[in-house]
């Protein structure tokens, strides 16, 4: 999805606000046809848009008072991955629940090869009023590009690229830190991790929490293998860890879906869980409670995550001011039989 996204479609909303002599939120209210804007400010924004040539498709539609009454949920993964991972189903349930009764339609968009330009053109072409973008990889410029067109956008997960785009995330660092402290409290001394991808903030934040927990007790932080949030990759990572440290006694796995593969490998190799090796996952998806043995895991409220994303976007569309730039949702440890 990241290919072909270097284009800058036009001036930023901040430039419109500067030229018009008003706040960014006032520009947003004018663009979205909201009330409670003085006629003087409205005309100033219109003149600035005309002078700067700001986002012609999106601005022309909204200034004419025509809303799409729809938002997009953009998931930066292939459809096969989205449909196989219960995390995305949970996010979708949360988004749908928050939209209930609001007469706003939801458009689901998933990654297709080389579709960056077409996707940007569609999202800024009047089909939606705003977008939620989830599961970013690397410094994907899509959120920044959409933000600069004036399209309201909220990102699910901390963007590695940084910037001023609002985002909602789980407290991945402290969730992982709590998992490691729990394992240490059980007397585990050789704690490995199956980490998430290096190009996703969620993977790196959970890895940082694991490292911090071990460093607090002067324990080594070298037993790391990165994986990609699938059961098969979790299995391969577990095999690699066992080759490097067959005497490890605990593993923190950065997602329940990877923990399934890790559990399978441990059992095939004759390790008793949790007697020989304790396993802790992350997410508390349906996979955790149905795993054999049931998986101790760090719970994040995935549906609540979807609801919070949607609330933040709808609040911006409604012209609310002083909204939080970021929202960090709490996590908690759920104890089951694997640790």
Protein backbone atom coordinates (compact mmCIF):
# COMPACT_ATOMS: atom_id res chain seq x y z
CA UNK A 1 0.00 0.00 0.00
CA UNK A 2 2.91 2.31 0.58
CA UNK A 3 3.97 2.47 -3.06
CA UNK A 4 2.98 5.57 -4.97
CA UNK A 5 2.03 7.64 -1.95
CA UNK A 6 4.61 10.39 -2.15
CA UNK A 7 2.29 12.75 -4.02
CA UNK A 8 1.10 15.82 -2.15
CA UNK A 9 -2.45 16.48 -3.36
CA UNK A 10 -2.58 20.13 -2.33
CA UNK A 11 -2.25 22.75 0.40
CA UNK A 12 -2.72 21.79 4.01
CA UNK A 13 -5.71 22.83 6.10
CA UNK A 14 -3.30 24.81 8.32
CA UNK A 15 -2.42 26.98 5.31
CA UNK A 16 -6.09 27.69 4.67
CA UNK A 17 -6.51 28.69 8.33
CA UNK A 18 -3.46 30.98 8.18
CA UNK A 19 -4.56 32.75 5.00
CA UNK A 20 -8.15 33.10 6.26
CA UNK A 21 -7.01 34.33 9.67
CA UNK A 22 -9.08 31.76 11.54
CA UNK A 23 -8.45 28.57 13.50
CA UNK A 24 -8.07 25.15 11.91
CA UNK A 25 -11.28 24.01 13.63
CA UNK A 26 -13.17 26.91 12.04
CA UNK A 27 -11.92 25.87 8.61
CA UNK A 28 -13.05 22.33 9.36
CA UNK A 29 -16.53 23.52 10.37
CA UNK A 30 -16.87 25.59 7.22
CA UNK A 31 -15.68 22.75 5.00
CA UNK A 32 -18.09 20.33 6.65
CA UNK A 33 -21.04 22.70 6.47
CA UNK A 34 -21.37 23.02 10.24
CA UNK A 35 -23.24 25.82 12.01
CA UNK A 36 -21.92 28.36 14.51
CA UNK A 37 -19.47 30.06 12.18
CA UNK A 38 -19.75 33.79 11.57
CA UNK A 39 -20.48 34.92 8.03
CA UNK A 40 -17.26 36.93 8.01
CA UNK A 41 -15.18 33.86 8.92
CA UNK A 42 -17.07 31.69 6.46
CA UNK A 43 -16.35 34.07 3.58
CA UNK A 44 -12.68 34.34 4.62
CA UNK A 45 -12.35 30.55 4.49
CA UNK A 46 -14.06 30.43 1.10
CA UNK A 47 -11.64 33.02 -0.26
CA UNK A 48 -8.62 31.20 1.15
CA UNK A 49 -9.76 27.89 -0.35
CA UNK A 50 -10.27 29.51 -3.73
CA UNK A 51 -6.92 31.29 -3.61
CA UNK A 52 -4.95 28.22 -2.51
CA UNK A 53 -6.82 25.69 -4.63
CA UNK A 54 -7.33 23.62 -1.53
CA UNK A 55 -8.48 19.99 -2.08
CA UNK A 56 -10.87 20.79 -4.96
CA UNK A 57 -12.93 17.60 -4.87
CA UNK A 58 -13.39 17.38 -1.13
CA UNK A 59 -13.79 21.12 -0.59
CA UNK A 60 -16.19 21.64 -3.48
CA UNK A 61 -18.43 18.85 -2.20
CA UNK A 62 -18.49 20.01 1.39
CA UNK A 63 -18.84 23.71 0.63
CA UNK A 64 -21.90 22.85 -1.42
CA UNK A 65 -23.35 21.31 1.75
CA UNK A 66 -23.31 17.76 0.42
CA UNK A 67 -22.07 15.20 2.91
CA UNK A 68 -21.40 11.58 2.12
CA UNK A 69 -22.72 10.44 5.52
CA UNK A 70 -20.09 7.72 5.38
CA UNK A 71 -16.66 7.02 6.83
CA UNK A 72 -13.97 4.60 5.67
CA UNK A 73 -12.15 1.97 7.69
CA UNK A 74 -8.83 1.45 5.88
CA UNK A 75 -6.91 -1.65 6.98
CA UNK A 76 -3.36 -1.73 5.64
CA UNK A 77 -3.26 -5.51 5.26
CA UNK A 78 -4.17 -8.04 2.59
CA UNK A 79 -7.74 -9.31 2.79
CA UNK A 80 -6.65 -12.85 3.65
CA UNK A 81 -4.82 -11.57 6.74
CA UNK A 82 -7.73 -9.38 7.82
CA UNK A 83 -10.26 -12.19 7.56
CA UNK A 84 -8.06 -14.67 9.46
CA UNK A 85 -7.17 -12.48 12.47
CA UNK A 86 -9.88 -11.97 15.15
CA UNK A 87 -8.29 -8.63 16.08
CA UNK A 88 -9.73 -7.00 12.98
CA UNK A 89 -13.16 -8.52 13.56
CA UNK A 90 -13.13 -6.99 17.04
CA UNK A 91 -12.17 -3.57 15.71
CA UNK A 92 -14.94 -3.77 13.12
CA UNK A 93 -17.50 -4.68 15.80
CA UNK A 94 -16.45 -1.67 17.83
CA UNK A 95 -16.65 0.70 14.87
CA UNK A 96 -20.07 -0.65 13.93
CA UNK A 97 -21.34 -0.33 17.51
CA UNK A 98 -20.26 3.30 17.77
CA UNK A 99 -21.95 4.14 14.46
CA UNK A 100 -25.23 2.49 15.50
CA UNK A 101 -28.16 4.87 15.17
CA UNK A 102 -26.08 7.67 13.65
CA UNK A 103 -27.14 7.17 10.01
CA UNK A 104 -23.50 6.99 8.94
CA UNK A 105 -22.42 4.24 6.56
CA UNK A 106 -19.14 2.35 6.87
CA UNK A 107 -16.88 1.61 3.91
CA UNK A 108 -14.26 -1.11 4.47
CA UNK A 109 -11.07 -0.83 2.41
CA UNK A 110 -8.22 -3.35 2.49
CA UNK A 111 -4.79 -3.29 0.95
CA UNK A 112 -4.39 -4.10 -2.74
CA UNK A 113 -1.03 -4.06 -4.52
CA UNK A 114 -0.06 -0.73 -6.12
CA UNK A 115 -3.37 0.94 -5.28
CA UNK A 116 -2.05 3.92 -3.29
CA UNK A 117 -2.91 6.66 -5.78
CA UNK A 118 -6.37 5.29 -6.51
CA UNK A 119 -7.11 4.89 -2.83
CA UNK A 120 -6.16 8.48 -2.03
CA UNK A 121 -8.21 9.77 -4.96
CA UNK A 122 -11.24 7.79 -3.80
CA UNK A 123 -11.01 8.83 -0.16
CA UNK A 124 -10.61 12.52 -1.03
CA UNK A 125 -13.14 12.44 -3.87
CA UNK A 126 -16.29 13.01 -1.87
CA UNK A 127 -17.21 9.41 -1.14
CA UNK A 128 -16.52 9.63 2.62
CA UNK A 129 -16.45 12.35 5.26
CA UNK A 130 -13.47 10.91 7.15
CA UNK A 131 -11.30 7.83 7.56
CA UNK A 132 -9.99 5.44 10.17
CA UNK A 133 -6.63 3.89 9.23
CA UNK A 134 -5.50 0.74 11.03
CA UNK A 135 -2.43 -1.55 10.96
CA UNK A 136 0.12 0.80 9.42
CA UNK A 137 3.53 -0.53 8.43
CA UNK A 138 6.71 1.53 8.48
CA UNK A 139 6.51 5.25 7.84
CA UNK A 140 3.49 4.88 5.58
CA UNK A 141 2.65 8.40 4.33
CA UNK A 142 -1.07 7.67 3.80
CA UNK A 143 -2.28 9.29 7.06
CA UNK A 144 -0.20 12.42 6.53
CA UNK A 145 -1.24 12.67 2.87
CA UNK A 146 -4.94 12.40 3.74
CA UNK A 147 -4.55 14.79 6.68
CA UNK A 148 -2.97 17.40 4.42
CA UNK A 149 -5.98 17.34 2.10
CA UNK A 150 -8.21 18.28 5.03
CA UNK A 151 -9.93 14.92 5.22
CA UNK A 152 -10.54 14.17 8.92
CA UNK A 153 -8.59 11.04 9.87
CA UNK A 154 -7.77 9.02 12.98
CA UNK A 155 -5.10 6.31 13.05
CA UNK A 156 -5.42 3.08 14.99
CA UNK A 157 -2.03 2.54 16.62
CA UNK A 158 0.87 4.95 17.11
CA UNK A 159 2.21 5.95 13.67
CA UNK A 160 5.93 5.28 13.32
CA UNK A 161 6.12 8.32 11.06
CA UNK A 162 5.02 10.58 13.92
CA UNK A 163 3.43 13.88 12.92
CA UNK A 164 0.23 15.60 13.98
CA UNK A 165 -2.31 13.00 12.86
CA UNK A 166 -4.50 11.97 15.82
CA UNK A 167 -4.32 8.34 16.94
CA UNK A 168 -5.77 5.85 19.39
CA UNK A 169 -3.69 2.99 20.77
CA UNK A 170 -3.57 0.40 23.54
CA UNK A 171 -0.92 0.80 26.24
CA UNK A 172 1.31 -1.79 24.61
CA UNK A 173 4.45 -0.89 26.53
CA UNK A 174 2.95 -1.22 30.01
CA UNK A 175 0.95 -4.28 29.00
CA UNK A 176 4.13 -6.08 28.00
CA UNK A 177 5.98 -4.77 31.04
CA UNK A 178 3.26 -6.17 33.33
CA UNK A 179 3.44 -9.55 31.60
CA UNK A 180 7.19 -9.82 32.17
CA UNK A 181 6.91 -8.72 35.80
CA UNK A 182 4.28 -11.43 36.29
CA UNK A 183 6.55 -14.10 34.79
CA UNK A 184 9.42 -12.98 37.02
CA UNK A 185 7.13 -13.15 40.04
CA UNK A 186 6.56 -16.81 39.18
CA UNK A 187 10.30 -17.42 39.47
CA UNK A 188 11.01 -17.64 35.74
CA UNK A 189 14.62 -16.84 34.95
CA UNK A 190 15.08 -17.28 31.21
CA UNK A 191 12.30 -15.32 29.52
CA UNK A 192 12.24 -15.10 25.73
CA UNK A 193 9.89 -13.16 23.47
CA UNK A 194 8.28 -13.64 20.10
CA UNK A 195 8.02 -10.01 19.04
CA UNK A 196 5.87 -8.38 16.39
CA UNK A 197 7.13 -6.90 13.12
CA UNK A 198 9.89 -4.29 13.30
CA UNK A 199 7.92 -2.03 10.93
CA UNK A 200 4.92 -1.67 13.27
CA UNK A 201 4.80 0.48 16.40
CA UNK A 202 2.70 -2.14 18.17
CA UNK A 203 5.48 -4.68 17.77
CA UNK A 204 8.22 -2.32 18.89
CA UNK A 205 6.29 -0.95 21.89
CA UNK A 206 5.57 -4.46 23.22
CA UNK A 207 9.20 -5.40 22.66
CA UNK A 208 10.30 -2.31 24.61
CA UNK A 209 8.05 -3.29 27.51
CA UNK A 210 9.57 -6.80 27.56
CA UNK A 211 13.09 -5.38 27.56
CA UNK A 212 12.29 -2.93 30.34
CA UNK A 213 10.83 -5.66 32.55
CA UNK A 214 13.93 -7.82 32.19
CA UNK A 215 16.32 -4.89 32.61
CA UNK A 216 14.69 -4.04 35.96
CA UNK A 217 16.08 -7.35 37.27
CA UNK A 218 19.38 -7.33 35.38
CA UNK A 219 18.25 -10.19 33.14
CA UNK A 220 19.52 -10.62 29.54
CA UNK A 221 17.41 -9.30 26.68
CA UNK A 222 18.87 -11.31 23.82
CA UNK A 223 16.22 -14.02 23.36
CA UNK A 224 14.17 -12.21 20.73
CA UNK A 225 12.71 -13.45 17.45
CA UNK A 226 10.48 -11.22 15.33
CA UNK A 227 7.32 -12.59 13.76
CA UNK A 228 4.39 -11.29 11.72
CA UNK A 229 1.16 -11.92 13.64
CA UNK A 230 0.28 -15.33 12.17
CA UNK A 231 0.22 -18.78 13.84
CA UNK A 232 2.78 -20.21 11.42
CA UNK A 233 5.22 -17.39 12.03
CA UNK A 234 4.78 -17.88 15.78
CA UNK A 235 5.64 -21.56 15.37
CA UNK A 236 8.78 -20.78 13.36
CA UNK A 237 9.86 -18.20 15.93
CA UNK A 238 9.36 -20.70 18.77
CA UNK A 239 11.48 -23.26 16.95
CA UNK A 240 14.26 -20.70 16.55
CA UNK A 241 14.11 -19.76 20.25
CA UNK A 242 14.34 -23.42 21.29
CA UNK A 243 17.38 -23.91 19.03
CA UNK A 244 19.07 -20.98 20.72
CA UNK A 245 17.92 -21.68 24.28
CA UNK A 246 16.39 -25.13 24.84
CA UNK A 247 16.38 -24.42 28.60
CA UNK A 248 14.22 -21.29 28.41
CA UNK A 249 11.42 -21.35 30.98
CA UNK A 250 9.04 -18.63 29.75
CA UNK A 251 8.06 -16.81 26.59
CA UNK A 252 6.11 -13.61 26.14
CA UNK A 253 4.36 -13.69 22.76
CA UNK A 254 3.31 -10.31 21.35
CA UNK A 255 -0.06 -11.58 20.04
CA UNK A 256 -2.38 -14.47 20.89
CA UNK A 257 -2.51 -15.55 17.26
CA UNK A 258 1.27 -16.13 17.29
CA UNK A 259 1.05 -17.83 20.69
CA UNK A 260 -1.06 -20.59 19.11
CA UNK A 261 1.90 -21.58 16.94
CA UNK A 262 4.29 -21.32 19.88
CA UNK A 263 2.12 -23.60 22.04
CA UNK A 264 1.94 -26.17 19.26
CA UNK A 265 5.71 -26.34 18.87
CA UNK A 266 6.34 -26.58 22.62
CA UNK A 267 3.88 -29.45 22.93
CA UNK A 268 5.33 -31.25 19.92
CA UNK A 269 8.80 -30.99 21.50
CA UNK A 270 7.55 -32.51 24.76
CA UNK A 271 7.61 -29.39 26.93
CA UNK A 272 4.94 -29.24 29.63
CA UNK A 273 3.04 -25.97 29.81
CA UNK A 274 3.36 -24.20 32.20
CA UNK A 275 5.59 -26.54 34.26
CA UNK A 276 8.54 -26.40 31.83
CA UNK A 277 7.70 -23.24 29.90
CA UNK A 278 5.18 -20.55 30.85
CA UNK A 279 3.53 -18.73 27.95
CA UNK A 280 1.86 -15.32 28.01
CA UNK A 281 0.19 -13.76 24.96
CA UNK A 282 -1.29 -10.37 24.15
CA UNK A 283 -4.82 -9.32 23.05
CA UNK A 284 -7.17 -11.68 24.98
CA UNK A 285 -8.89 -12.63 21.74
CA UNK A 286 -11.22 -15.61 21.49
CA UNK A 287 -8.12 -17.60 20.56
CA UNK A 288 -6.75 -17.20 24.09
CA UNK A 289 -9.68 -18.77 25.91
CA UNK A 290 -9.97 -21.67 23.45
CA UNK A 291 -6.24 -22.47 23.26
CA UNK A 292 -4.90 -25.71 24.78
CA UNK A 293 -4.03 -24.97 27.50
CA UNK A 294 -6.05 -21.75 27.87
CA UNK A 295 -3.68 -18.84 27.37
CA UNK A 296 -2.67 -16.33 30.01
CA UNK A 297 -2.60 -13.05 28.13
CA UNK A 298 -2.61 -9.28 28.28
CA UNK A 299 -6.10 -8.00 27.56
CA UNK A 300 -6.74 -5.02 25.36
CA UNK A 301 -10.36 -4.06 24.75
CA UNK A 302 -10.34 -4.42 20.97
CA UNK A 303 -13.99 -3.47 20.53
CA UNK A 304 -13.42 -0.49 22.83
CA UNK A 305 -10.46 0.42 20.65
CA UNK A 306 -12.73 0.44 17.59
CA UNK A 307 -15.33 2.51 19.44
CA UNK A 308 -12.74 5.03 20.62
CA UNK A 309 -11.36 5.43 17.09
CA UNK A 310 -14.84 6.09 15.76
CA UNK A 311 -15.81 8.45 18.58
CA UNK A 312 -12.68 10.55 17.96
CA UNK A 313 -13.40 10.82 14.24
CA UNK A 314 -17.09 11.64 14.68
CA UNK A 315 -16.24 14.28 17.28
CA UNK A 316 -13.93 16.00 14.81
CA UNK A 317 -16.55 15.78 12.08
CA UNK A 318 -19.01 17.43 14.48
CA UNK A 319 -16.61 20.35 14.91
CA UNK A 320 -15.73 19.68 18.54
CA UNK A 321 -12.67 21.59 19.72
CA UNK A 322 -9.80 20.74 22.08
CA UNK A 323 -10.00 17.05 21.25
CA UNK A 324 -7.15 14.83 22.51
CA UNK A 325 -4.38 14.38 19.96
CA UNK A 326 -3.85 10.83 21.17
CA UNK A 327 -5.75 8.34 23.33
CA UNK A 328 -4.01 5.51 25.17
CA UNK A 329 -6.31 2.71 26.32
CA UNK A 330 -5.49 0.56 29.38
CA UNK A 331 -4.49 -3.10 29.35
CA UNK A 332 -4.71 -5.80 32.05
CA UNK A 333 -3.39 -9.29 32.67
CA UNK A 334 -5.82 -12.22 32.36
CA UNK A 335 -4.55 -15.34 34.11
CA UNK A 336 -5.35 -18.75 32.69
CA UNK A 337 -3.53 -22.10 32.60
CA UNK A 338 -0.48 -21.39 30.42
CA UNK A 339 1.35 -19.40 33.10
